Amino acid sequence: KPIKSSEAFYMATKGGGKFFGKVGSFEKGYDF
């Protein structure tokens, strides 16, 4: 199956953000 827009957005934010730590999301404790 092709990737969905949420998966592509995730890769561009939280997916890559894991490399830096708590980055790429608006969850509690994440960098703003």
mmCIF file of all heavy atoms, coordinates in Angstrom:
data_MODEL
# 
_entry.id   MODEL 
# 
loop_
_atom_site.group_PDB 
_atom_site.id 
_atom_site.type_symbol 
_atom_site.label_atom_id 
_atom_site.label_alt_id 
_atom_site.label_comp_id 
_atom_site.label_asym_id 
_atom_site.label_entity_id 
_atom_site.label_seq_id 
_atom_site.pdbx_PDB_ins_code 
_atom_site.Cartn_x 
_atom_site.Cartn_y 
_atom_site.Cartn_z 
_atom_site.occupancy 
_atom_site.B_iso_or_equiv 
_atom_site.pdbx_formal_charge 
_atom_site.auth_seq_id 
_atom_site.auth_comp_id 
_atom_site.auth_asym_id 
_atom_site.auth_atom_id 
_atom_site.pdbx_PDB_model_num 
ATOM 1   N N   . LYS A 1 1  ? 0.836  -1.193 0.000  1.00 0.00 ? 1  LYS A N   1 
ATOM 2   C CA  . LYS A 1 1  ? 0.000  0.000  0.000  1.00 0.00 ? 1  LYS A CA  1 
ATOM 3   C C   . LYS A 1 1  ? 0.876  1.249  0.000  1.00 0.00 ? 1  LYS A C   1 
ATOM 4   O O   . LYS A 1 1  ? 1.969  1.256  0.564  1.00 0.00 ? 1  LYS A O   1 
ATOM 5   C CB  . LYS A 1 1  ? -0.902 0.017  1.231  1.00 0.00 ? 1  LYS A CB  1 
ATOM 6   C CG  . LYS A 1 1  ? -1.955 -1.080 1.248  1.00 0.00 ? 1  LYS A CG  1 
ATOM 7   C CD  . LYS A 1 1  ? -2.817 -0.965 2.502  1.00 0.00 ? 1  LYS A CD  1 
ATOM 8   C CE  . LYS A 1 1  ? -3.883 -2.054 2.529  1.00 0.00 ? 1  LYS A CE  1 
ATOM 9   N NZ  . LYS A 1 1  ? -4.722 -1.960 3.745  1.00 0.00 ? 1  LYS A NZ  1 
ATOM 10  N N   . PRO A 1 2  ? 0.427  2.318  -0.633 1.00 0.00 ? 2  PRO A N   1 
ATOM 11  C CA  . PRO A 1 2  ? 1.171  3.582  -0.535 1.00 0.00 ? 2  PRO A CA  1 
ATOM 12  C C   . PRO A 1 2  ? 1.074  4.157  0.870  1.00 0.00 ? 2  PRO A C   1 
ATOM 13  O O   . PRO A 1 2  ? 0.156  3.824  1.630  1.00 0.00 ? 2  PRO A O   1 
ATOM 14  C CB  . PRO A 1 2  ? 0.476  4.485  -1.547 1.00 0.00 ? 2  PRO A CB  1 
ATOM 15  C CG  . PRO A 1 2  ? -0.896 3.929  -1.696 1.00 0.00 ? 2  PRO A CG  1 
ATOM 16  C CD  . PRO A 1 2  ? -0.774 2.437  -1.478 1.00 0.00 ? 2  PRO A CD  1 
ATOM 17  N N   . ILE A 1 3  ? 2.018  5.011  1.217  1.00 0.00 ? 3  ILE A N   1 
ATOM 18  C CA  . ILE A 1 3  ? 1.939  5.643  2.523  1.00 0.00 ? 3  ILE A CA  1 
ATOM 19  C C   . ILE A 1 3  ? 0.846  6.705  2.527  1.00 0.00 ? 3  ILE A C   1 
ATOM 20  O O   . ILE A 1 3  ? 0.520  7.300  1.501  1.00 0.00 ? 3  ILE A O   1 
ATOM 21  C CB  . ILE A 1 3  ? 3.294  6.253  2.952  1.00 0.00 ? 3  ILE A CB  1 
ATOM 22  C CG1 . ILE A 1 3  ? 3.724  7.372  2.001  1.00 0.00 ? 3  ILE A CG1 1 
ATOM 23  C CG2 . ILE A 1 3  ? 4.362  5.192  3.049  1.00 0.00 ? 3  ILE A CG2 1 
ATOM 24  C CD1 . ILE A 1 3  ? 4.950  8.112  2.490  1.00 0.00 ? 3  ILE A CD1 1 
ATOM 25  N N   . LYS A 1 4  ? 0.270  6.923  3.690  1.00 0.00 ? 4  LYS A N   1 
ATOM 26  C CA  . LYS A 1 4  ? -0.780 7.929  3.857  1.00 0.00 ? 4  LYS A CA  1 
ATOM 27  C C   . LYS A 1 4  ? -0.152 9.285  4.177  1.00 0.00 ? 4  LYS A C   1 
ATOM 28  O O   . LYS A 1 4  ? 1.020  9.377  4.544  1.00 0.00 ? 4  LYS A O   1 
ATOM 29  C CB  . LYS A 1 4  ? -1.709 7.516  5.000  1.00 0.00 ? 4  LYS A CB  1 
ATOM 30  C CG  . LYS A 1 4  ? -2.382 6.169  4.797  1.00 0.00 ? 4  LYS A CG  1 
ATOM 31  C CD  . LYS A 1 4  ? -3.332 5.856  5.949  1.00 0.00 ? 4  LYS A CD  1 
ATOM 32  C CE  . LYS A 1 4  ? -2.581 5.687  7.265  1.00 0.00 ? 4  LYS A CE  1 
ATOM 33  N NZ  . LYS A 1 4  ? -3.474 5.270  8.372  1.00 0.00 ? 4  LYS A NZ  1 
ATOM 34  N N   . SER A 1 5  ? -0.963 10.333 4.072  1.00 0.00 ? 5  SER A N   1 
ATOM 35  C CA  . SER A 1 5  ? -0.449 11.666 4.384  1.00 0.00 ? 5  SER A CA  1 
ATOM 36  C C   . SER A 1 5  ? 0.009  11.760 5.829  1.00 0.00 ? 5  SER A C   1 
ATOM 37  O O   . SER A 1 5  ? 0.997  12.440 6.136  1.00 0.00 ? 5  SER A O   1 
ATOM 38  C CB  . SER A 1 5  ? -1.508 12.732 4.086  1.00 0.00 ? 5  SER A CB  1 
ATOM 39  O OG  . SER A 1 5  ? -2.700 12.494 4.806  1.00 0.00 ? 5  SER A OG  1 
ATOM 40  N N   . SER A 1 6  ? -0.674 11.067 6.737  1.00 0.00 ? 6  SER A N   1 
ATOM 41  C CA  . SER A 1 6  ? -0.246 11.104 8.142  1.00 0.00 ? 6  SER A CA  1 
ATOM 42  C C   . SER A 1 6  ? 1.136  10.466 8.308  1.00 0.00 ? 6  SER A C   1 
ATOM 43  O O   . SER A 1 6  ? 1.958  10.933 9.105  1.00 0.00 ? 6  SER A O   1 
ATOM 44  C CB  . SER A 1 6  ? -1.263 10.393 9.041  1.00 0.00 ? 6  SER A CB  1 
ATOM 45  O OG  . SER A 1 6  ? -1.343 9.003  8.748  1.00 0.00 ? 6  SER A OG  1 
ATOM 46  N N   . GLU A 1 7  ? 1.414  9.404  7.553  1.00 0.00 ? 7  GLU A N   1 
ATOM 47  C CA  . GLU A 1 7  ? 2.722  8.755  7.647  1.00 0.00 ? 7  GLU A CA  1 
ATOM 48  C C   . GLU A 1 7  ? 3.831  9.647  7.105  1.00 0.00 ? 7  GLU A C   1 
ATOM 49  O O   . GLU A 1 7  ? 4.927  9.721  7.678  1.00 0.00 ? 7  GLU A O   1 
ATOM 50  C CB  . GLU A 1 7  ? 2.687  7.420  6.902  1.00 0.00 ? 7  GLU A CB  1 
ATOM 51  C CG  . GLU A 1 7  ? 1.805  6.382  7.563  1.00 0.00 ? 7  GLU A CG  1 
ATOM 52  C CD  . GLU A 1 7  ? 1.657  5.115  6.742  1.00 0.00 ? 7  GLU A CD  1 
ATOM 53  O OE1 . GLU A 1 7  ? 1.195  5.217  5.583  1.00 0.00 ? 7  GLU A OE1 1 
ATOM 54  O OE2 . GLU A 1 7  ? 1.995  4.024  7.251  1.00 0.00 ? 7  GLU A OE2 1 
ATOM 55  N N   . ALA A 1 8  ? 3.551  10.333 6.017  1.00 0.00 ? 8  ALA A N   1 
ATOM 56  C CA  . ALA A 1 8  ? 4.542  11.244 5.449  1.00 0.00 ? 8  ALA A CA  1 
ATOM 57  C C   . ALA A 1 8  ? 4.810  12.413 6.395  1.00 0.00 ? 8  ALA A C   1 
ATOM 58  O O   . ALA A 1 8  ? 5.963  12.817 6.609  1.00 0.00 ? 8  ALA A O   1 
ATOM 59  C CB  . ALA A 1 8  ? 4.062  11.752 4.095  1.00 0.00 ? 8  ALA A CB  1 
ATOM 60  N N   . PHE A 1 9  ? 3.746  12.961 6.974  1.00 0.00 ? 9  PHE A N   1 
ATOM 61  C CA  . PHE A 1 9  ? 3.886  14.054 7.924  1.00 0.00 ? 9  PHE A CA  1 
ATOM 62  C C   . PHE A 1 9  ? 4.647  13.589 9.165  1.00 0.00 ? 9  PHE A C   1 
ATOM 63  O O   . PHE A 1 9  ? 5.511  14.306 9.685  1.00 0.00 ? 9  PHE A O   1 
ATOM 64  C CB  . PHE A 1 9  ? 2.495  14.568 8.309  1.00 0.00 ? 9  PHE A CB  1 
ATOM 65  C CG  . PHE A 1 9  ? 2.499  15.802 9.166  1.00 0.00 ? 9  PHE A CG  1 
ATOM 66  C CD1 . PHE A 1 9  ? 2.517  17.060 8.591  1.00 0.00 ? 9  PHE A CD1 1 
ATOM 67  C CD2 . PHE A 1 9  ? 2.463  15.700 10.549 1.00 0.00 ? 9  PHE A CD2 1 
ATOM 68  C CE1 . PHE A 1 9  ? 2.502  18.200 9.385  1.00 0.00 ? 9  PHE A CE1 1 
ATOM 69  C CE2 . PHE A 1 9  ? 2.449  16.826 11.348 1.00 0.00 ? 9  PHE A CE2 1 
ATOM 70  C CZ  . PHE A 1 9  ? 2.474  18.081 10.771 1.00 0.00 ? 9  PHE A CZ  1 
ATOM 71  N N   . TYR A 1 10 ? 4.338  12.400 9.623  1.00 0.00 ? 10 TYR A N   1 
ATOM 72  C CA  . TYR A 1 10 ? 5.030  11.817 10.776 1.00 0.00 ? 10 TYR A CA  1 
ATOM 73  C C   . TYR A 1 10 ? 6.529  11.710 10.514 1.00 0.00 ? 10 TYR A C   1 
ATOM 74  O O   . TYR A 1 10 ? 7.353  12.063 11.365 1.00 0.00 ? 10 TYR A O   1 
ATOM 75  C CB  . TYR A 1 10 ? 4.438  10.436 11.076 1.00 0.00 ? 10 TYR A CB  1 
ATOM 76  C CG  . TYR A 1 10 ? 5.111  9.679  12.197 1.00 0.00 ? 10 TYR A CG  1 
ATOM 77  C CD1 . TYR A 1 10 ? 4.704  9.856  13.522 1.00 0.00 ? 10 TYR A CD1 1 
ATOM 78  C CD2 . TYR A 1 10 ? 6.140  8.770  11.950 1.00 0.00 ? 10 TYR A CD2 1 
ATOM 79  C CE1 . TYR A 1 10 ? 5.309  9.158  14.552 1.00 0.00 ? 10 TYR A CE1 1 
ATOM 80  C CE2 . TYR A 1 10 ? 6.750  8.072  12.967 1.00 0.00 ? 10 TYR A CE2 1 
ATOM 81  C CZ  . TYR A 1 10 ? 6.328  8.272  14.270 1.00 0.00 ? 10 TYR A CZ  1 
ATOM 82  O OH  . TYR A 1 10 ? 6.943  7.582  15.298 1.00 0.00 ? 10 TYR A OH  1 
ATOM 83  N N   . MET A 1 11 ? 6.923  11.219 9.330  1.00 0.00 ? 11 MET A N   1 
ATOM 84  C CA  . MET A 1 11 ? 8.342  11.107 9.008  1.00 0.00 ? 11 MET A CA  1 
ATOM 85  C C   . MET A 1 11 ? 9.020  12.473 9.049  1.00 0.00 ? 11 MET A C   1 
ATOM 86  O O   . MET A 1 11 ? 10.174 12.591 9.488  1.00 0.00 ? 11 MET A O   1 
ATOM 87  C CB  . MET A 1 11 ? 8.522  10.469 7.629  1.00 0.00 ? 11 MET A CB  1 
ATOM 88  C CG  . MET A 1 11 ? 8.201  9.002  7.572  1.00 0.00 ? 11 MET A CG  1 
ATOM 89  S SD  . MET A 1 11 ? 8.698  8.226  6.008  1.00 0.00 ? 11 MET A SD  1 
ATOM 90  C CE  . MET A 1 11 ? 7.523  8.925  4.857  1.00 0.00 ? 11 MET A CE  1 
ATOM 91  N N   . ALA A 1 12 ? 8.320  13.509 8.609  1.00 0.00 ? 12 ALA A N   1 
ATOM 92  C CA  . ALA A 1 12 ? 8.898  14.858 8.546  1.00 0.00 ? 12 ALA A CA  1 
ATOM 93  C C   . ALA A 1 12 ? 8.955  15.545 9.897  1.00 0.00 ? 12 ALA A C   1 
ATOM 94  O O   . ALA A 1 12 ? 9.625  16.585 10.034 1.00 0.00 ? 12 ALA A O   1 
ATOM 95  C CB  . ALA A 1 12 ? 8.087  15.721 7.582  1.00 0.00 ? 12 ALA A CB  1 
ATOM 96  N N   . THR A 1 13 ? 8.280  14.984 10.900 1.00 0.00 ? 13 THR A N   1 
ATOM 97  C CA  . THR A 1 13 ? 8.228  15.623 12.217 1.00 0.00 ? 13 THR A CA  1 
ATOM 98  C C   . THR A 1 13 ? 8.698  14.652 13.309 1.00 0.00 ? 13 THR A C   1 
ATOM 99  O O   . THR A 1 13 ? 9.885  14.563 13.588 1.00 0.00 ? 13 THR A O   1 
ATOM 100 C CB  . THR A 1 13 ? 6.803  16.145 12.496 1.00 0.00 ? 13 THR A CB  1 
ATOM 101 O OG1 . THR A 1 13 ? 5.840  15.083 12.319 1.00 0.00 ? 13 THR A OG1 1 
ATOM 102 C CG2 . THR A 1 13 ? 6.446  17.293 11.554 1.00 0.00 ? 13 THR A CG2 1 
ATOM 103 N N   . LYS A 1 14 ? 7.815  13.869 13.851 1.00 0.00 ? 14 LYS A N   1 
ATOM 104 C CA  . LYS A 1 14 ? 8.180  13.012 14.976 1.00 0.00 ? 14 LYS A CA  1 
ATOM 105 C C   . LYS A 1 14 ? 9.099  11.860 14.583 1.00 0.00 ? 14 LYS A C   1 
ATOM 106 O O   . LYS A 1 14 ? 9.974  11.449 15.356 1.00 0.00 ? 14 LYS A O   1 
ATOM 107 C CB  . LYS A 1 14 ? 6.915  12.464 15.646 1.00 0.00 ? 14 LYS A CB  1 
ATOM 108 C CG  . LYS A 1 14 ? 7.180  11.732 16.953 1.00 0.00 ? 14 LYS A CG  1 
ATOM 109 C CD  . LYS A 1 14 ? 5.884  11.299 17.624 1.00 0.00 ? 14 LYS A CD  1 
ATOM 110 C CE  . LYS A 1 14 ? 6.155  10.543 18.917 1.00 0.00 ? 14 LYS A CE  1 
ATOM 111 N NZ  . LYS A 1 14 ? 4.893  10.124 19.583 1.00 0.00 ? 14 LYS A NZ  1 
ATOM 112 N N   . GLY A 1 15 ? 8.919  11.321 13.362 1.00 0.00 ? 15 GLY A N   1 
ATOM 113 C CA  . GLY A 1 15 ? 9.757  10.202 12.931 1.00 0.00 ? 15 GLY A CA  1 
ATOM 114 C C   . GLY A 1 15 ? 11.218 10.575 12.899 1.00 0.00 ? 15 GLY A C   1 
ATOM 115 O O   . GLY A 1 15 ? 12.075 9.865  13.443 1.00 0.00 ? 15 GLY A O   1 
ATOM 116 N N   . GLY A 1 16 ? 11.529 11.700 12.257 1.00 0.00 ? 16 GLY A N   1 
ATOM 117 C CA  . GLY A 1 16 ? 12.900 12.191 12.271 1.00 0.00 ? 16 GLY A CA  1 
ATOM 118 C C   . GLY A 1 16 ? 13.266 12.832 13.591 1.00 0.00 ? 16 GLY A C   1 
ATOM 119 O O   . GLY A 1 16 ? 14.428 12.816 14.007 1.00 0.00 ? 16 GLY A O   1 
ATOM 120 N N   . GLY A 1 17 ? 12.263 13.397 14.269 1.00 0.00 ? 17 GLY A N   1 
ATOM 121 C CA  . GLY A 1 17 ? 12.506 14.079 15.536 1.00 0.00 ? 17 GLY A CA  1 
ATOM 122 C C   . GLY A 1 17 ? 13.057 13.185 16.627 1.00 0.00 ? 17 GLY A C   1 
ATOM 123 O O   . GLY A 1 17 ? 13.759 13.657 17.535 1.00 0.00 ? 17 GLY A O   1 
ATOM 124 N N   . LYS A 1 18 ? 12.767 11.884 16.559 1.00 0.00 ? 18 LYS A N   1 
ATOM 125 C CA  . LYS A 1 18 ? 13.302 10.951 17.551 1.00 0.00 ? 18 LYS A CA  1 
ATOM 126 C C   . LYS A 1 18 ? 14.820 10.988 17.600 1.00 0.00 ? 18 LYS A C   1 
ATOM 127 O O   . LYS A 1 18 ? 15.420 10.685 18.627 1.00 0.00 ? 18 LYS A O   1 
ATOM 128 C CB  . LYS A 1 18 ? 12.845 9.523  17.220 1.00 0.00 ? 18 LYS A CB  1 
ATOM 129 C CG  . LYS A 1 18 ? 11.381 9.249  17.405 1.00 0.00 ? 18 LYS A CG  1 
ATOM 130 C CD  . LYS A 1 18 ? 11.085 7.803  17.007 1.00 0.00 ? 18 LYS A CD  1 
ATOM 131 C CE  . LYS A 1 18 ? 9.616  7.492  16.986 1.00 0.00 ? 18 LYS A CE  1 
ATOM 132 N NZ  . LYS A 1 18 ? 9.360  6.100  16.520 1.00 0.00 ? 18 LYS A NZ  1 
ATOM 133 N N   . PHE A 1 19 ? 15.443 11.330 16.470 1.00 0.00 ? 19 PHE A N   1 
ATOM 134 C CA  . PHE A 1 19 ? 16.902 11.411 16.445 1.00 0.00 ? 19 PHE A CA  1 
ATOM 135 C C   . PHE A 1 19 ? 17.408 12.465 17.421 1.00 0.00 ? 19 PHE A C   1 
ATOM 136 O O   . PHE A 1 19 ? 18.499 12.339 17.986 1.00 0.00 ? 19 PHE A O   1 
ATOM 137 C CB  . PHE A 1 19 ? 17.378 11.729 15.024 1.00 0.00 ? 19 PHE A CB  1 
ATOM 138 C CG  . PHE A 1 19 ? 18.860 11.628 14.835 1.00 0.00 ? 19 PHE A CG  1 
ATOM 139 C CD1 . PHE A 1 19 ? 19.470 10.398 14.658 1.00 0.00 ? 19 PHE A CD1 1 
ATOM 140 C CD2 . PHE A 1 19 ? 19.653 12.764 14.840 1.00 0.00 ? 19 PHE A CD2 1 
ATOM 141 C CE1 . PHE A 1 19 ? 20.847 10.301 14.498 1.00 0.00 ? 19 PHE A CE1 1 
ATOM 142 C CE2 . PHE A 1 19 ? 21.027 12.676 14.681 1.00 0.00 ? 19 PHE A CE2 1 
ATOM 143 C CZ  . PHE A 1 19 ? 21.627 11.443 14.500 1.00 0.00 ? 19 PHE A CZ  1 
ATOM 144 N N   . PHE A 1 20 ? 16.597 13.526 17.631 1.00 0.00 ? 20 PHE A N   1 
ATOM 145 C CA  . PHE A 1 20 ? 16.981 14.617 18.520 1.00 0.00 ? 20 PHE A CA  1 
ATOM 146 C C   . PHE A 1 20 ? 16.457 14.420 19.946 1.00 0.00 ? 20 PHE A C   1 
ATOM 147 O O   . PHE A 1 20 ? 16.878 15.138 20.840 1.00 0.00 ? 20 PHE A O   1 
ATOM 148 C CB  . PHE A 1 20 ? 16.452 15.933 17.969 1.00 0.00 ? 20 PHE A CB  1 
ATOM 149 C CG  . PHE A 1 20 ? 17.193 16.430 16.758 1.00 0.00 ? 20 PHE A CG  1 
ATOM 150 C CD1 . PHE A 1 20 ? 16.880 15.974 15.490 1.00 0.00 ? 20 PHE A CD1 1 
ATOM 151 C CD2 . PHE A 1 20 ? 18.209 17.363 16.890 1.00 0.00 ? 20 PHE A CD2 1 
ATOM 152 C CE1 . PHE A 1 20 ? 17.559 16.433 14.370 1.00 0.00 ? 20 PHE A CE1 1 
ATOM 153 C CE2 . PHE A 1 20 ? 18.895 17.837 15.773 1.00 0.00 ? 20 PHE A CE2 1 
ATOM 154 C CZ  . PHE A 1 20 ? 18.583 17.367 14.515 1.00 0.00 ? 20 PHE A CZ  1 
ATOM 155 N N   . GLY A 1 21 ? 15.520 13.513 20.141 1.00 0.00 ? 21 GLY A N   1 
ATOM 156 C CA  . GLY A 1 21 ? 14.917 13.319 21.456 1.00 0.00 ? 21 GLY A CA  1 
ATOM 157 C C   . GLY A 1 21 ? 13.416 13.520 21.383 1.00 0.00 ? 21 GLY A C   1 
ATOM 158 O O   . GLY A 1 21 ? 12.748 13.001 20.487 1.00 0.00 ? 21 GLY A O   1 
ATOM 159 N N   . LYS A 1 22 ? 12.870 14.282 22.312 1.00 0.00 ? 22 LYS A N   1 
ATOM 160 C CA  . LYS A 1 22 ? 11.434 14.562 22.313 1.00 0.00 ? 22 LYS A CA  1 
ATOM 161 C C   . LYS A 1 22 ? 11.171 15.777 21.423 1.00 0.00 ? 22 LYS A C   1 
ATOM 162 O O   . LYS A 1 22 ? 11.012 16.917 21.890 1.00 0.00 ? 22 LYS A O   1 
ATOM 163 C CB  . LYS A 1 22 ? 10.925 14.781 23.733 1.00 0.00 ? 22 LYS A CB  1 
ATOM 164 C CG  . LYS A 1 22 ? 10.838 13.501 24.543 1.00 0.00 ? 22 LYS A CG  1 
ATOM 165 C CD  . LYS A 1 22 ? 10.073 13.693 25.842 1.00 0.00 ? 22 LYS A CD  1 
ATOM 166 C CE  . LYS A 1 22 ? 9.792  12.370 26.524 1.00 0.00 ? 22 LYS A CE  1 
ATOM 167 N NZ  . LYS A 1 22 ? 8.980  12.528 27.746 1.00 0.00 ? 22 LYS A NZ  1 
ATOM 168 N N   . VAL A 1 23 ? 11.122 15.509 20.128 1.00 0.00 ? 23 VAL A N   1 
ATOM 169 C CA  . VAL A 1 23 ? 11.010 16.546 19.109 1.00 0.00 ? 23 VAL A CA  1 
ATOM 170 C C   . VAL A 1 23 ? 10.022 16.089 18.049 1.00 0.00 ? 23 VAL A C   1 
ATOM 171 O O   . VAL A 1 23 ? 9.972  14.905 17.704 1.00 0.00 ? 23 VAL A O   1 
ATOM 172 C CB  . VAL A 1 23 ? 12.395 16.811 18.463 1.00 0.00 ? 23 VAL A CB  1 
ATOM 173 C CG1 . VAL A 1 23 ? 12.260 17.717 17.238 1.00 0.00 ? 23 VAL A CG1 1 
ATOM 174 C CG2 . VAL A 1 23 ? 13.348 17.427 19.471 1.00 0.00 ? 23 VAL A CG2 1 
ATOM 175 N N   . GLY A 1 24 ? 9.218  17.015 17.542 1.00 0.00 ? 24 GLY A N   1 
ATOM 176 C CA  . GLY A 1 24 ? 8.358  16.701 16.403 1.00 0.00 ? 24 GLY A CA  1 
ATOM 177 C C   . GLY A 1 24 ? 6.923  16.386 16.750 1.00 0.00 ? 24 GLY A C   1 
ATOM 178 O O   . GLY A 1 24 ? 6.181  15.870 15.913 1.00 0.00 ? 24 GLY A O   1 
ATOM 179 N N   . SER A 1 25 ? 6.499  16.720 17.963 1.00 0.00 ? 25 SER A N   1 
ATOM 180 C CA  . SER A 1 25 ? 5.115  16.477 18.360 1.00 0.00 ? 25 SER A CA  1 
ATOM 181 C C   . SER A 1 25 ? 4.699  17.545 19.357 1.00 0.00 ? 25 SER A C   1 
ATOM 182 O O   . SER A 1 25 ? 5.542  18.291 19.878 1.00 0.00 ? 25 SER A O   1 
ATOM 183 C CB  . SER A 1 25 ? 4.972  15.078 18.969 1.00 0.00 ? 25 SER A CB  1 
ATOM 184 O OG  . SER A 1 25 ? 3.628  14.806 19.302 1.00 0.00 ? 25 SER A OG  1 
ATOM 185 N N   . PHE A 1 26 ? 3.393  17.615 19.655 1.00 0.00 ? 26 PHE A N   1 
ATOM 186 C CA  . PHE A 1 26 ? 2.884  18.529 20.672 1.00 0.00 ? 26 PHE A CA  1 
ATOM 187 C C   . PHE A 1 26 ? 2.459  17.772 21.932 1.00 0.00 ? 26 PHE A C   1 
ATOM 188 O O   . PHE A 1 26 ? 1.575  18.204 22.663 1.00 0.00 ? 26 PHE A O   1 
ATOM 189 C CB  . PHE A 1 26 ? 1.708  19.346 20.125 1.00 0.00 ? 26 PHE A CB  1 
ATOM 190 C CG  . PHE A 1 26 ? 2.108  20.376 19.094 1.00 0.00 ? 26 PHE A CG  1 
ATOM 191 C CD1 . PHE A 1 26 ? 1.266  20.661 18.024 1.00 0.00 ? 26 PHE A CD1 1 
ATOM 192 C CD2 . PHE A 1 26 ? 3.304  21.061 19.188 1.00 0.00 ? 26 PHE A CD2 1 
ATOM 193 C CE1 . PHE A 1 26 ? 1.611  21.616 17.069 1.00 0.00 ? 26 PHE A CE1 1 
ATOM 194 C CE2 . PHE A 1 26 ? 3.663  22.016 18.244 1.00 0.00 ? 26 PHE A CE2 1 
ATOM 195 C CZ  . PHE A 1 26 ? 2.816  22.291 17.179 1.00 0.00 ? 26 PHE A CZ  1 
ATOM 196 N N   . GLU A 1 27 ? 3.085  16.650 22.170 1.00 0.00 ? 27 GLU A N   1 
ATOM 197 C CA  . GLU A 1 27 ? 2.805  15.886 23.381 1.00 0.00 ? 27 GLU A CA  1 
ATOM 198 C C   . GLU A 1 27 ? 3.551  16.492 24.578 1.00 0.00 ? 27 GLU A C   1 
ATOM 199 O O   . GLU A 1 27 ? 4.538  17.211 24.424 1.00 0.00 ? 27 GLU A O   1 
ATOM 200 C CB  . GLU A 1 27 ? 3.228  14.433 23.183 1.00 0.00 ? 27 GLU A CB  1 
ATOM 201 C CG  . GLU A 1 27 ? 2.456  13.725 22.079 1.00 0.00 ? 27 GLU A CG  1 
ATOM 202 C CD  . GLU A 1 27 ? 3.107  12.415 21.656 1.00 0.00 ? 27 GLU A CD  1 
ATOM 203 O OE1 . GLU A 1 27 ? 3.133  11.480 22.482 1.00 0.00 ? 27 GLU A OE1 1 
ATOM 204 O OE2 . GLU A 1 27 ? 3.607  12.336 20.514 1.00 0.00 ? 27 GLU A OE2 1 
ATOM 205 N N   . LYS A 1 28 ? 3.084  16.179 25.760 1.00 0.00 ? 28 LYS A N   1 
ATOM 206 C CA  . LYS A 1 28 ? 3.676  16.699 26.992 1.00 0.00 ? 28 LYS A CA  1 
ATOM 207 C C   . LYS A 1 28 ? 5.155  16.341 27.068 1.00 0.00 ? 28 LYS A C   1 
ATOM 208 O O   . LYS A 1 28 ? 5.551  15.211 26.807 1.00 0.00 ? 28 LYS A O   1 
ATOM 209 C CB  . LYS A 1 28 ? 2.950  16.126 28.204 1.00 0.00 ? 28 LYS A CB  1 
ATOM 210 C CG  . LYS A 1 28 ? 3.470  16.650 29.530 1.00 0.00 ? 28 LYS A CG  1 
ATOM 211 C CD  . LYS A 1 28 ? 2.686  16.092 30.700 1.00 0.00 ? 28 LYS A CD  1 
ATOM 212 C CE  . LYS A 1 28 ? 3.222  16.616 32.033 1.00 0.00 ? 28 LYS A CE  1 
ATOM 213 N NZ  . LYS A 1 28 ? 2.457  16.078 33.189 1.00 0.00 ? 28 LYS A NZ  1 
ATOM 214 N N   . GLY A 1 29 ? 5.982  17.342 27.412 1.00 0.00 ? 29 GLY A N   1 
ATOM 215 C CA  . GLY A 1 29 ? 7.407  17.117 27.576 1.00 0.00 ? 29 GLY A CA  1 
ATOM 216 C C   . GLY A 1 29 ? 8.226  17.318 26.318 1.00 0.00 ? 29 GLY A C   1 
ATOM 217 O O   . GLY A 1 29 ? 9.464  17.318 26.364 1.00 0.00 ? 29 GLY A O   1 
ATOM 218 N N   . TYR A 1 30 ? 7.566  17.505 25.170 1.00 0.00 ? 30 TYR A N   1 
ATOM 219 C CA  . TYR A 1 30 ? 8.282  17.708 23.913 1.00 0.00 ? 30 TYR A CA  1 
ATOM 220 C C   . TYR A 1 30 ? 8.743  19.163 23.779 1.00 0.00 ? 30 TYR A C   1 
ATOM 221 O O   . TYR A 1 30 ? 8.120  20.080 24.316 1.00 0.00 ? 30 TYR A O   1 
ATOM 222 C CB  . TYR A 1 30 ? 7.397  17.342 22.723 1.00 0.00 ? 30 TYR A CB  1 
ATOM 223 C CG  . TYR A 1 30 ? 7.437  15.877 22.375 1.00 0.00 ? 30 TYR A CG  1 
ATOM 224 C CD1 . TYR A 1 30 ? 6.932  14.914 23.247 1.00 0.00 ? 30 TYR A CD1 1 
ATOM 225 C CD2 . TYR A 1 30 ? 8.006  15.437 21.187 1.00 0.00 ? 30 TYR A CD2 1 
ATOM 226 C CE1 . TYR A 1 30 ? 6.985  13.565 22.943 1.00 0.00 ? 30 TYR A CE1 1 
ATOM 227 C CE2 . TYR A 1 30 ? 8.061  14.087 20.866 1.00 0.00 ? 30 TYR A CE2 1 
ATOM 228 C CZ  . TYR A 1 30 ? 7.547  13.158 21.755 1.00 0.00 ? 30 TYR A CZ  1 
ATOM 229 O OH  . TYR A 1 30 ? 7.608  11.822 21.453 1.00 0.00 ? 30 TYR A OH  1 
ATOM 230 N N   . ASP A 1 31 ? 9.849  19.353 23.054 1.00 0.00 ? 31 ASP A N   1 
ATOM 231 C CA  . ASP A 1 31 ? 10.290 20.708 22.730 1.00 0.00 ? 31 ASP A CA  1 
ATOM 232 C C   . ASP A 1 31 ? 9.192  21.417 21.945 1.00 0.00 ? 31 ASP A C   1 
ATOM 233 O O   . ASP A 1 31 ? 8.612  20.831 21.019 1.00 0.00 ? 31 ASP A O   1 
ATOM 234 C CB  . ASP A 1 31 ? 11.545 20.673 21.853 1.00 0.00 ? 31 ASP A CB  1 
ATOM 235 C CG  . ASP A 1 31 ? 12.778 20.183 22.592 1.00 0.00 ? 31 ASP A CG  1 
ATOM 236 O OD1 . ASP A 1 31 ? 12.686 19.892 23.803 1.00 0.00 ? 31 ASP A OD1 1 
ATOM 237 O OD2 . ASP A 1 31 ? 13.843 20.089 21.948 1.00 0.00 ? 31 ASP A OD2 1 
ATOM 238 N N   . PHE A 1 32 ? 8.933  22.677 22.305 1.00 0.00 ? 32 PHE A N   1 
ATOM 239 C CA  . PHE A 1 32 ? 7.968  23.441 21.523 1.00 0.00 ? 32 PHE A CA  1 
ATOM 240 C C   . PHE A 1 32 ? 8.705  24.086 20.350 1.00 0.00 ? 32 PHE A C   1 
ATOM 241 O O   . PHE A 1 32 ? 9.043  25.270 20.352 1.00 0.00 ? 32 PHE A O   1 
ATOM 242 C CB  . PHE A 1 32 ? 7.250  24.491 22.369 1.00 0.00 ? 32 PHE A CB  1 
ATOM 243 C CG  . PHE A 1 32 ? 6.121  25.157 21.617 1.00 0.00 ? 32 PHE A CG  1 
ATOM 244 C CD1 . PHE A 1 32 ? 4.962  24.448 21.310 1.00 0.00 ? 32 PHE A CD1 1 
ATOM 245 C CD2 . PHE A 1 32 ? 6.222  26.470 21.193 1.00 0.00 ? 32 PHE A CD2 1 
ATOM 246 C CE1 . PHE A 1 32 ? 3.932  25.061 20.601 1.00 0.00 ? 32 PHE A CE1 1 
ATOM 247 C CE2 . PHE A 1 32 ? 5.200  27.090 20.495 1.00 0.00 ? 32 PHE A CE2 1 
ATOM 248 C CZ  . PHE A 1 32 ? 4.050  26.381 20.197 1.00 0.00 ? 32 PHE A CZ  1 
# 
